[in-house]
Amino acid sequence: MIDLPELLSFFASSLKQVNPMITSKGSCDTERSSQSFNLLTLMVDTLTIIANKLLNSDPQQTELYFLEFGLSDLVEVMV
């Protein structure tokens, strides 16, 4: 939980720098790697999974840390 502010700051700075039109393809020969994935979507999905796991483990602390440390960084990305 203590690392949540750094994680949110990392994601905020990464979201500022990623081109939302770039897609990525896997490097192995499976069916999933033949699909193209939007990098922005992958980043948001990853942050969602991490945040949901933290939220399920300690809802009050996660909400407090998000509001205190993460919201301002993520709002700057949107502006």
Protein backbone atom coordinates (compact mmCIF):
# COMPACT_ATOMS: atom_id res chain seq x y z
CA MET A 1 0.00 0.00 0.00
CA ILE A 2 2.89 2.36 0.71
CA ASP A 3 4.06 1.99 -2.91
CA LEU A 4 0.69 3.06 -4.34
CA PRO A 5 1.68 6.74 -4.75
CA GLU A 6 4.80 5.78 -6.72
CA LEU A 7 2.79 3.32 -8.81
CA LEU A 8 0.17 5.94 -9.64
CA SER A 9 2.86 8.49 -10.42
CA PHE A 10 4.56 5.99 -12.74
CA PHE A 11 1.32 5.22 -14.55
CA ALA A 12 0.45 8.92 -14.83
CA SER A 13 3.82 9.78 -16.37
CA SER A 14 3.58 6.75 -18.67
CA LEU A 15 0.08 7.67 -19.80
CA LYS A 16 1.31 11.18 -20.67
CA GLN A 17 4.00 9.76 -22.94
CA VAL A 18 2.23 6.89 -24.69
CA ASN A 19 0.76 7.38 -28.13
CA PRO A 20 -2.83 6.06 -27.93
CA MET A 21 -2.70 4.89 -31.54
CA ILE A 22 0.24 2.46 -31.10
CA THR A 23 -0.52 -1.24 -31.03
CA SER A 24 1.67 -4.12 -29.97
CA LYS A 25 1.86 -7.73 -31.09
CA GLY A 26 3.31 -10.66 -29.16
CA SER A 27 6.52 -12.35 -30.24
CA CYS A 28 5.60 -16.03 -29.94
CA ASP A 29 3.53 -18.22 -32.27
CA THR A 30 0.29 -18.55 -30.32
CA GLU A 31 -3.17 -17.38 -31.26
CA ARG A 32 -3.08 -14.62 -28.64
CA SER A 33 0.22 -13.24 -29.94
CA SER A 34 -1.20 -12.90 -33.44
CA GLN A 35 -3.66 -10.28 -32.16
CA SER A 36 -2.73 -6.63 -31.91
CA PHE A 37 -3.29 -4.83 -28.62
CA ASN A 38 -3.56 -1.10 -28.05
CA LEU A 39 -0.84 -0.04 -25.58
CA LEU A 40 -3.04 2.53 -23.86
CA THR A 41 -5.73 -0.08 -23.29
CA LEU A 42 -3.18 -2.54 -21.90
CA MET A 43 -1.83 0.08 -19.49
CA VAL A 44 -5.30 1.03 -18.26
CA ASP A 45 -6.30 -2.63 -17.88
CA THR A 46 -3.13 -3.34 -15.89
CA LEU A 47 -3.74 -0.40 -13.56
CA THR A 48 -7.36 -1.51 -13.15
CA ILE A 49 -6.34 -5.03 -12.11
CA ILE A 50 -3.79 -3.76 -9.59
CA ALA A 51 -6.18 -1.17 -8.17
CA ASN A 52 -9.02 -3.67 -7.81
CA LYS A 53 -6.80 -6.12 -5.96
CA LEU A 54 -5.66 -3.38 -3.59
CA LEU A 55 -9.21 -2.14 -3.17
CA ASN A 56 -10.44 -5.62 -2.30
CA SER A 57 -7.71 -6.10 0.29
CA ASP A 58 -8.12 -2.76 2.11
CA PRO A 59 -10.88 -0.48 0.73
CA GLN A 60 -10.53 2.46 3.12
CA GLN A 61 -6.75 2.70 2.91
CA THR A 62 -6.75 2.34 -0.88
CA GLU A 63 -9.38 5.02 -1.32
CA LEU A 64 -7.53 7.38 1.02
CA TYR A 65 -4.17 6.84 -0.73
CA PHE A 66 -5.76 7.21 -4.16
CA LEU A 67 -7.52 10.46 -3.25
CA GLU A 68 -4.52 11.90 -1.43
CA PHE A 69 -1.68 10.87 -3.74
CA GLY A 70 -2.93 9.54 -7.06
CA LEU A 71 -5.86 11.62 -8.16
CA SER A 72 -3.88 14.79 -8.87
CA ASP A 73 -1.35 12.93 -11.06
CA LEU A 74 -4.07 11.19 -13.05
CA VAL A 75 -6.09 14.39 -13.48
CA GLU A 76 -3.01 16.11 -14.97
CA VAL A 77 -2.90 13.40 -17.65
CA MET A 78 -6.46 14.18 -18.70
CA VAL A 79 -5.88 17.92 -18.97
